[in-house]
Protein backbone atom coordinates (compact mmCIF):
# COMPACT_ATOMS: atom_id res chain seq x y z
CA MET A 1 -19.89 28.07 -3.42
CA VAL A 2 -20.65 31.24 -1.57
CA LEU A 3 -17.75 32.40 0.59
CA LYS A 4 -18.90 34.52 3.52
CA ALA A 5 -16.96 36.03 6.42
CA THR A 6 -16.90 32.89 8.58
CA VAL A 7 -18.62 30.14 6.59
CA VAL A 8 -18.71 28.49 3.18
CA ASN A 9 -22.16 27.76 1.77
CA THR A 10 -22.86 25.56 -1.24
CA GLU A 11 -25.80 26.62 -3.36
CA ILE A 12 -27.30 24.96 -6.43
CA LYS A 13 -29.31 26.81 -9.06
CA LYS A 14 -32.61 25.16 -9.86
CA PRO A 15 -34.03 25.14 -13.41
CA ALA A 16 -36.49 27.88 -12.43
CA GLY A 17 -33.54 30.17 -11.68
CA LYS A 18 -33.74 30.16 -7.89
CA TRP A 19 -30.61 29.36 -5.84
CA GLU A 20 -31.03 26.86 -3.00
CA LYS A 21 -28.54 26.33 -0.17
CA VAL A 22 -27.61 22.65 0.09
CA SER A 23 -24.84 22.74 2.71
CA GLY A 24 -22.59 24.97 4.76
CA ALA A 25 -19.61 24.75 7.11
CA SER A 26 -17.04 26.98 8.77
CA TYR A 27 -13.70 27.52 7.02
CA GLY A 28 -11.90 25.36 9.59
CA ASN A 29 -13.99 22.33 8.67
CA VAL A 30 -13.47 22.57 4.89
CA GLU A 31 -10.40 20.89 3.37
CA ALA A 32 -9.64 19.65 -0.14
CA ASP A 33 -9.38 15.90 -0.63
CA ALA A 34 -5.84 14.97 -1.66
CA ASP A 35 -6.98 12.55 -4.39
CA THR A 36 -10.01 14.20 -5.98
CA GLY A 37 -9.80 17.84 -4.92
CA VAL A 38 -13.42 17.74 -3.73
CA PRO A 39 -13.89 19.99 -0.69
CA ARG A 40 -14.48 17.79 2.39
CA GLY A 41 -16.70 18.97 5.20
CA LEU A 42 -19.57 20.31 3.08
CA GLY A 43 -21.29 16.98 2.40
CA LEU A 44 -20.58 17.13 -1.33
CA VAL A 45 -19.39 13.53 -1.44
CA SER A 46 -22.94 12.32 -0.80
CA ILE A 47 -24.36 14.17 -3.85
CA PRO A 48 -24.61 11.66 -6.73
CA GLY A 49 -22.57 12.67 -9.77
CA PHE A 50 -20.79 15.58 -8.08
CA THR A 51 -17.30 14.09 -8.51
CA LYS A 52 -18.00 13.53 -12.23
CA LEU A 53 -19.26 17.11 -12.59
CA MET A 54 -16.11 18.50 -10.97
CA GLN A 55 -13.90 16.32 -13.21
CA ASP A 56 -15.76 17.50 -16.32
CA ASN A 57 -15.29 21.13 -15.26
CA ARG A 58 -11.55 20.59 -14.67
CA ASP A 59 -11.23 18.91 -18.09
CA ASN A 60 -13.09 21.77 -19.80
CA VAL A 61 -10.75 24.31 -18.20
CA ALA A 62 -7.63 22.33 -19.04
CA PHE A 63 -8.52 21.29 -22.59
CA GLY A 64 -11.06 23.92 -23.64
CA ARG A 65 -8.61 25.89 -25.79
CA PHE A 66 -7.50 22.97 -27.97
CA THR A 67 -8.85 22.56 -31.48
CA VAL A 68 -10.19 19.34 -32.97
CA ALA A 69 -9.17 18.37 -36.55
CA GLY A 70 -9.88 21.65 -38.29
CA ARG A 71 -12.45 22.97 -35.80
CA GLN A 72 -11.63 25.99 -33.70
CA SER A 73 -12.59 26.55 -30.09
CA GLU A 74 -15.90 28.42 -29.79
CA GLU A 75 -14.40 31.16 -27.62
């Protein structure tokens, strides 16, 4: 997400390295969903797999520092 003075834009990086704007809305129209935490008002709900991607990112942040049976975290 790109936070500007009056709007929030969502951009996705393509494999070639170029960023493409996929949606945008004013700050007043963007609110977090109470259940999933997905920002409403940007059209992100209609992107297939976006909720799963956000959940994976939250899990990585929450559990990324744990070790697994003798392995250490890569950080």
